[in-house]
Amino acid sequence: MKSEPVTVQAAIDLLNEASQLDPVAMRGLVEYHVPCDYTLADHPAVQVDCTENGDPIVGMLGIINGLFGVDENAQGKITGVWDPNDPGAPVTFILNPEFEGNTDDPGQASPTAAS
């Protein structure tokens, strides 16, 4: 069975639907980061953060954003926003404002594409 390419908006819609269905799980997934090695940290599309000690860590959103690529500042197209003072607050996923109005890039990830 062949899958159709996924647009950034379709990914945002799915993430928001999942966040409404189980806000605690989705927030946990977004906040959870695991240590990774420097080969992943050096990947041109995957977003990787660093601990206070400078060790690389990666999370779910960094991997998802890697499907759609990043801009020249290594910013992904999808961002999550939530109230950090409310542990039960759902994550709302939005198009990164850096990409709003950019109609030149359809923002599609193909299940058969290789990076």
N, C-alpha and C. Protein backbone atom coordinates (compact mmCIF):
# COMPACT_ATOMS: atom_id res chain seq x y z
N MET A 1 0.84 -1.18 0.00
CA MET A 1 0.00 0.00 0.00
C MET A 1 0.89 1.24 0.00
N LYS A 2 0.67 2.13 -0.94
CA LYS A 2 1.46 3.34 -1.05
C LYS A 2 0.79 4.47 -0.27
N SER A 3 1.58 5.20 0.51
CA SER A 3 1.07 6.34 1.26
C SER A 3 1.27 7.62 0.46
N GLU A 4 0.38 8.57 0.68
CA GLU A 4 0.50 9.88 0.06
C GLU A 4 1.46 10.73 0.89
N PRO A 5 2.09 11.71 0.24
CA PRO A 5 2.94 12.64 1.01
C PRO A 5 2.12 13.35 2.09
N VAL A 6 2.76 13.68 3.18
CA VAL A 6 2.12 14.37 4.30
C VAL A 6 2.54 15.82 4.28
N THR A 7 1.58 16.73 4.37
CA THR A 7 1.89 18.15 4.41
C THR A 7 2.16 18.56 5.86
N VAL A 8 2.78 19.72 6.00
CA VAL A 8 3.01 20.27 7.34
C VAL A 8 1.66 20.47 8.03
N GLN A 9 0.68 21.00 7.31
CA GLN A 9 -0.63 21.25 7.93
C GLN A 9 -1.29 19.95 8.37
N ALA A 10 -1.17 18.90 7.58
CA ALA A 10 -1.74 17.61 7.98
C ALA A 10 -1.07 17.09 9.25
N ALA A 11 0.25 17.27 9.36
CA ALA A 11 0.96 16.85 10.57
C ALA A 11 0.50 17.68 11.77
N ILE A 12 0.35 18.99 11.59
CA ILE A 12 -0.12 19.86 12.67
C ILE A 12 -1.52 19.44 13.10
N ASP A 13 -2.40 19.16 12.14
CA ASP A 13 -3.76 18.75 12.47
C ASP A 13 -3.78 17.45 13.27
N LEU A 14 -2.95 16.48 12.86
CA LEU A 14 -2.90 15.21 13.58
C LEU A 14 -2.35 15.40 14.99
N LEU A 15 -1.29 16.18 15.12
CA LEU A 15 -0.71 16.43 16.44
C LEU A 15 -1.72 17.12 17.35
N ASN A 16 -2.47 18.09 16.83
CA ASN A 16 -3.48 18.78 17.64
C ASN A 16 -4.63 17.85 18.01
N GLU A 17 -5.03 16.98 17.11
CA GLU A 17 -6.08 16.02 17.42
C GLU A 17 -5.62 15.10 18.55
N ALA A 18 -4.39 14.60 18.44
CA ALA A 18 -3.84 13.73 19.49
C ALA A 18 -3.73 14.48 20.81
N SER A 19 -3.37 15.75 20.76
CA SER A 19 -3.23 16.55 21.97
C SER A 19 -4.58 16.77 22.65
N GLN A 20 -5.63 16.90 21.86
CA GLN A 20 -6.97 17.04 22.44
C GLN A 20 -7.45 15.71 23.03
N LEU A 21 -7.10 14.61 22.39
CA LEU A 21 -7.52 13.30 22.89
C LEU A 21 -6.81 12.93 24.18
N ASP A 22 -5.52 13.24 24.27
CA ASP A 22 -4.76 12.91 25.47
C ASP A 22 -3.70 13.98 25.71
N PRO A 23 -4.10 15.11 26.32
CA PRO A 23 -3.16 16.21 26.50
C PRO A 23 -1.96 15.88 27.38
N VAL A 24 -2.15 15.02 28.36
CA VAL A 24 -1.04 14.68 29.25
C VAL A 24 0.02 13.87 28.50
N ALA A 25 -0.42 12.90 27.72
CA ALA A 25 0.53 12.08 26.96
C ALA A 25 1.29 12.91 25.94
N MET A 26 0.57 13.76 25.20
CA MET A 26 1.23 14.55 24.16
C MET A 26 2.19 15.56 24.76
N ARG A 27 1.82 16.16 25.87
CA ARG A 27 2.74 17.10 26.50
C ARG A 27 3.97 16.38 27.00
N GLY A 28 3.78 15.19 27.57
CA GLY A 28 4.92 14.40 28.01
C GLY A 28 5.85 14.06 26.87
N LEU A 29 5.28 13.69 25.72
CA LEU A 29 6.11 13.37 24.56
C LEU A 29 6.89 14.59 24.07
N VAL A 30 6.25 15.74 24.06
CA VAL A 30 6.92 16.95 23.58
C VAL A 30 8.03 17.39 24.54
N GLU A 31 7.78 17.25 25.82
CA GLU A 31 8.77 17.69 26.81
C GLU A 31 9.91 16.67 26.99
N TYR A 32 9.67 15.42 26.62
CA TYR A 32 10.65 14.36 26.85
C TYR A 32 11.74 14.40 25.78
N HIS A 33 12.97 14.44 26.21
CA HIS A 33 14.14 14.40 25.32
C HIS A 33 15.08 13.31 25.81
N VAL A 34 15.74 12.67 24.89
CA VAL A 34 16.68 11.60 25.24
C VAL A 34 18.07 11.98 24.75
N PRO A 35 19.10 11.49 25.43
CA PRO A 35 20.45 11.75 24.95
C PRO A 35 20.64 11.16 23.56
N CYS A 36 21.42 11.83 22.76
CA CYS A 36 21.74 11.30 21.43
C CYS A 36 23.22 11.56 21.16
N ASP A 37 23.72 10.92 20.13
CA ASP A 37 25.12 11.11 19.82
C ASP A 37 25.31 12.29 18.86
N TYR A 38 26.55 12.65 18.64
CA TYR A 38 26.85 13.83 17.84
C TYR A 38 26.58 13.60 16.36
N THR A 39 26.52 12.36 15.92
CA THR A 39 26.18 12.14 14.51
C THR A 39 24.73 12.54 14.24
N LEU A 40 23.83 12.25 15.18
CA LEU A 40 22.44 12.72 15.04
C LEU A 40 22.37 14.23 15.24
N ALA A 41 23.12 14.73 16.20
CA ALA A 41 23.12 16.17 16.46
C ALA A 41 23.58 16.97 15.25
N ASP A 42 24.44 16.37 14.43
CA ASP A 42 24.94 17.05 13.23
C ASP A 42 24.05 16.87 12.01
N HIS A 43 22.95 16.16 12.15
CA HIS A 43 22.05 15.96 11.01
C HIS A 43 21.51 17.31 10.55
N PRO A 44 21.47 17.55 9.24
CA PRO A 44 21.07 18.88 8.76
C PRO A 44 19.60 19.23 8.96
N ALA A 45 18.72 18.25 9.18
CA ALA A 45 17.30 18.57 9.32
C ALA A 45 16.73 18.28 10.71
N VAL A 46 17.26 17.28 11.40
CA VAL A 46 16.73 16.93 12.72
C VAL A 46 17.14 18.01 13.72
N GLN A 47 16.16 18.47 14.49
CA GLN A 47 16.45 19.48 15.50
C GLN A 47 16.89 18.80 16.79
N VAL A 48 18.05 19.19 17.27
CA VAL A 48 18.62 18.63 18.49
C VAL A 48 18.94 19.78 19.43
N ASP A 49 18.63 19.59 20.71
CA ASP A 49 18.91 20.58 21.73
C ASP A 49 20.12 20.12 22.53
N CYS A 50 20.53 20.91 23.49
CA CYS A 50 21.66 20.54 24.35
C CYS A 50 21.27 20.72 25.81
N THR A 51 21.83 19.88 26.66
CA THR A 51 21.65 20.03 28.09
C THR A 51 22.52 21.20 28.57
N GLU A 52 22.41 21.52 29.84
CA GLU A 52 23.24 22.58 30.42
C GLU A 52 24.73 22.26 30.28
N ASN A 53 25.06 20.98 30.23
CA ASN A 53 26.45 20.54 30.08
C ASN A 53 26.90 20.51 28.62
N GLY A 54 25.98 20.80 27.70
CA GLY A 54 26.33 20.78 26.29
C GLY A 54 26.15 19.44 25.61
N ASP A 55 25.57 18.47 26.31
CA ASP A 55 25.34 17.15 25.72
C ASP A 55 24.09 17.20 24.85
N PRO A 56 24.12 16.61 23.65
CA PRO A 56 22.97 16.67 22.76
C PRO A 56 21.81 15.80 23.24
N ILE A 57 20.59 16.31 23.05
CA ILE A 57 19.36 15.59 23.36
C ILE A 57 18.37 15.83 22.22
N VAL A 58 17.51 14.85 21.99
CA VAL A 58 16.54 14.97 20.92
C VAL A 58 15.16 14.56 21.44
N GLY A 59 14.14 15.19 20.87
CA GLY A 59 12.77 14.89 21.24
C GLY A 59 11.92 14.59 20.02
N MET A 60 10.67 14.24 20.28
CA MET A 60 9.74 13.87 19.23
C MET A 60 9.58 14.97 18.18
N LEU A 61 9.42 16.20 18.62
CA LEU A 61 9.18 17.28 17.68
C LEU A 61 10.41 17.57 16.81
N GLY A 62 11.58 17.36 17.34
CA GLY A 62 12.80 17.52 16.55
C GLY A 62 12.89 16.52 15.42
N ILE A 63 12.42 15.31 15.67
CA ILE A 63 12.40 14.28 14.64
C ILE A 63 11.32 14.59 13.61
N ILE A 64 10.11 14.94 14.08
CA ILE A 64 9.02 15.27 13.15
C ILE A 64 9.41 16.44 12.27
N ASN A 65 10.01 17.47 12.84
CA ASN A 65 10.43 18.61 12.04
C ASN A 65 11.49 18.22 11.02
N GLY A 66 12.28 17.21 11.33
CA GLY A 66 13.27 16.74 10.38
C GLY A 66 12.66 16.22 9.09
N LEU A 67 11.42 15.76 9.15
CA LEU A 67 10.73 15.30 7.95
C LEU A 67 10.48 16.44 6.97
N PHE A 68 10.28 17.64 7.50
CA PHE A 68 9.90 18.78 6.66
C PHE A 68 11.05 19.75 6.42
N GLY A 69 12.20 19.50 7.03
CA GLY A 69 13.35 20.37 6.84
C GLY A 69 13.32 21.58 7.76
N VAL A 70 14.39 22.31 7.77
CA VAL A 70 14.53 23.48 8.63
C VAL A 70 14.96 24.67 7.78
N ASP A 71 14.82 25.86 8.35
CA ASP A 71 15.25 27.06 7.63
C ASP A 71 16.74 27.30 7.86
N GLU A 72 17.23 28.42 7.37
CA GLU A 72 18.67 28.71 7.49
C GLU A 72 19.12 28.89 8.94
N ASN A 73 18.17 29.09 9.85
CA ASN A 73 18.50 29.23 11.28
C ASN A 73 18.25 27.93 12.05
N ALA A 74 18.05 26.84 11.32
CA ALA A 74 17.79 25.51 11.90
C ALA A 74 16.48 25.47 12.67
N GLN A 75 15.52 26.31 12.27
CA GLN A 75 14.19 26.30 12.89
C GLN A 75 13.28 25.36 12.11
N GLY A 76 12.54 24.53 12.82
CA GLY A 76 11.59 23.63 12.19
C GLY A 76 10.28 24.33 11.88
N LYS A 77 9.48 23.70 11.05
CA LYS A 77 8.22 24.30 10.61
C LYS A 77 7.11 24.17 11.64
N ILE A 78 7.20 23.19 12.53
CA ILE A 78 6.15 22.97 13.52
C ILE A 78 6.68 23.33 14.89
N THR A 79 5.88 24.05 15.63
CA THR A 79 6.24 24.37 17.01
C THR A 79 5.05 24.05 17.91
N GLY A 80 5.34 23.77 19.16
CA GLY A 80 4.29 23.49 20.14
C GLY A 80 4.29 24.58 21.20
N VAL A 81 3.11 25.02 21.59
CA VAL A 81 2.98 26.03 22.64
C VAL A 81 2.05 25.51 23.73
N TRP A 82 2.39 25.84 24.99
CA TRP A 82 1.57 25.44 26.12
C TRP A 82 1.92 26.30 27.31
N ASP A 83 1.06 26.24 28.30
CA ASP A 83 1.27 26.99 29.54
C ASP A 83 2.18 26.16 30.44
N PRO A 84 3.43 26.61 30.67
CA PRO A 84 4.36 25.82 31.48
C PRO A 84 3.95 25.74 32.96
N ASN A 85 3.06 26.62 33.38
CA ASN A 85 2.62 26.61 34.78
C ASN A 85 1.42 25.71 35.02
N ASP A 86 0.85 25.16 33.96
CA ASP A 86 -0.30 24.27 34.08
C ASP A 86 0.06 22.90 33.53
N PRO A 87 0.37 21.94 34.42
CA PRO A 87 0.82 20.63 33.96
C PRO A 87 -0.21 19.87 33.13
N GLY A 88 -1.47 20.25 33.22
CA GLY A 88 -2.51 19.58 32.43
C GLY A 88 -2.86 20.30 31.15
N ALA A 89 -2.20 21.43 30.89
CA ALA A 89 -2.52 22.22 29.70
C ALA A 89 -2.13 21.46 28.44
N PRO A 90 -3.04 21.42 27.46
CA PRO A 90 -2.69 20.74 26.22
C PRO A 90 -1.67 21.53 25.41
N VAL A 91 -0.93 20.83 24.60
CA VAL A 91 0.00 21.45 23.66
C VAL A 91 -0.81 21.82 22.43
N THR A 92 -0.63 23.03 21.94
CA THR A 92 -1.21 23.43 20.66
C THR A 92 -0.07 23.51 19.67
N PHE A 93 -0.19 22.78 18.60
CA PHE A 93 0.84 22.76 17.57
C PHE A 93 0.45 23.77 16.49
N ILE A 94 1.43 24.57 16.07
CA ILE A 94 1.19 25.60 15.09
C ILE A 94 2.34 25.63 14.08
N LEU A 95 2.08 26.30 12.96
CA LEU A 95 3.15 26.56 12.01
C LEU A 95 4.07 27.60 12.63
N ASN A 96 5.35 27.32 12.65
CA ASN A 96 6.32 28.27 13.18
C ASN A 96 6.12 29.60 12.47
N PRO A 97 5.95 30.70 13.23
CA PRO A 97 5.73 32.01 12.60
C PRO A 97 6.79 32.39 11.57
N GLU A 98 7.99 31.83 11.68
CA GLU A 98 9.04 32.11 10.70
C GLU A 98 8.65 31.63 9.30
N PHE A 99 7.71 30.68 9.23
CA PHE A 99 7.32 30.10 7.94
C PHE A 99 5.97 30.60 7.45
N GLU A 100 5.24 31.37 8.26
CA GLU A 100 3.92 31.85 7.85
C GLU A 100 4.03 32.70 6.59
N GLY A 101 3.13 32.47 5.68
CA GLY A 101 3.12 33.22 4.43
C GLY A 101 4.09 32.71 3.40
N ASN A 102 4.85 31.67 3.73
CA ASN A 102 5.81 31.11 2.78
C ASN A 102 5.06 30.13 1.88
N THR A 103 4.66 30.61 0.71
CA THR A 103 3.94 29.74 -0.21
C THR A 103 4.86 29.06 -1.20
N ASP A 104 6.14 29.37 -1.16
CA ASP A 104 7.10 28.76 -2.09
C ASP A 104 7.37 27.30 -1.74
N ASP A 105 7.20 26.93 -0.48
CA ASP A 105 7.53 25.60 -0.03
C ASP A 105 6.25 24.87 0.39
N PRO A 106 5.85 23.83 -0.32
CA PRO A 106 4.62 23.13 0.04
C PRO A 106 4.73 22.37 1.34
N GLY A 107 5.93 22.16 1.84
CA GLY A 107 6.12 21.50 3.13
C GLY A 107 5.56 20.10 3.16
N GLN A 108 6.08 19.24 2.34
CA GLN A 108 5.61 17.87 2.31
C GLN A 108 6.73 16.92 2.69
N ALA A 109 6.33 15.89 3.38
CA ALA A 109 7.24 14.80 3.69
C ALA A 109 6.74 13.58 2.95
N SER A 110 7.59 12.93 2.24
CA SER A 110 7.22 11.74 1.51
C SER A 110 7.69 10.51 2.28
N PRO A 111 6.83 9.52 2.45
CA PRO A 111 7.23 8.34 3.19
C PRO A 111 8.35 7.56 2.50
N THR A 112 8.58 7.82 1.22
CA THR A 112 9.63 7.11 0.52
C THR A 112 10.90 7.94 0.36
N ALA A 113 10.87 9.19 0.82
CA ALA A 113 12.03 10.08 0.66
C ALA A 113 13.11 9.68 1.65
N ALA A 114 14.34 9.81 1.21
CA ALA A 114 15.48 9.55 2.09
C ALA A 114 16.22 10.85 2.31
N SER A 115 16.80 11.00 3.49
CA SER A 115 17.55 12.24 3.76
C SER A 115 19.01 12.05 3.46
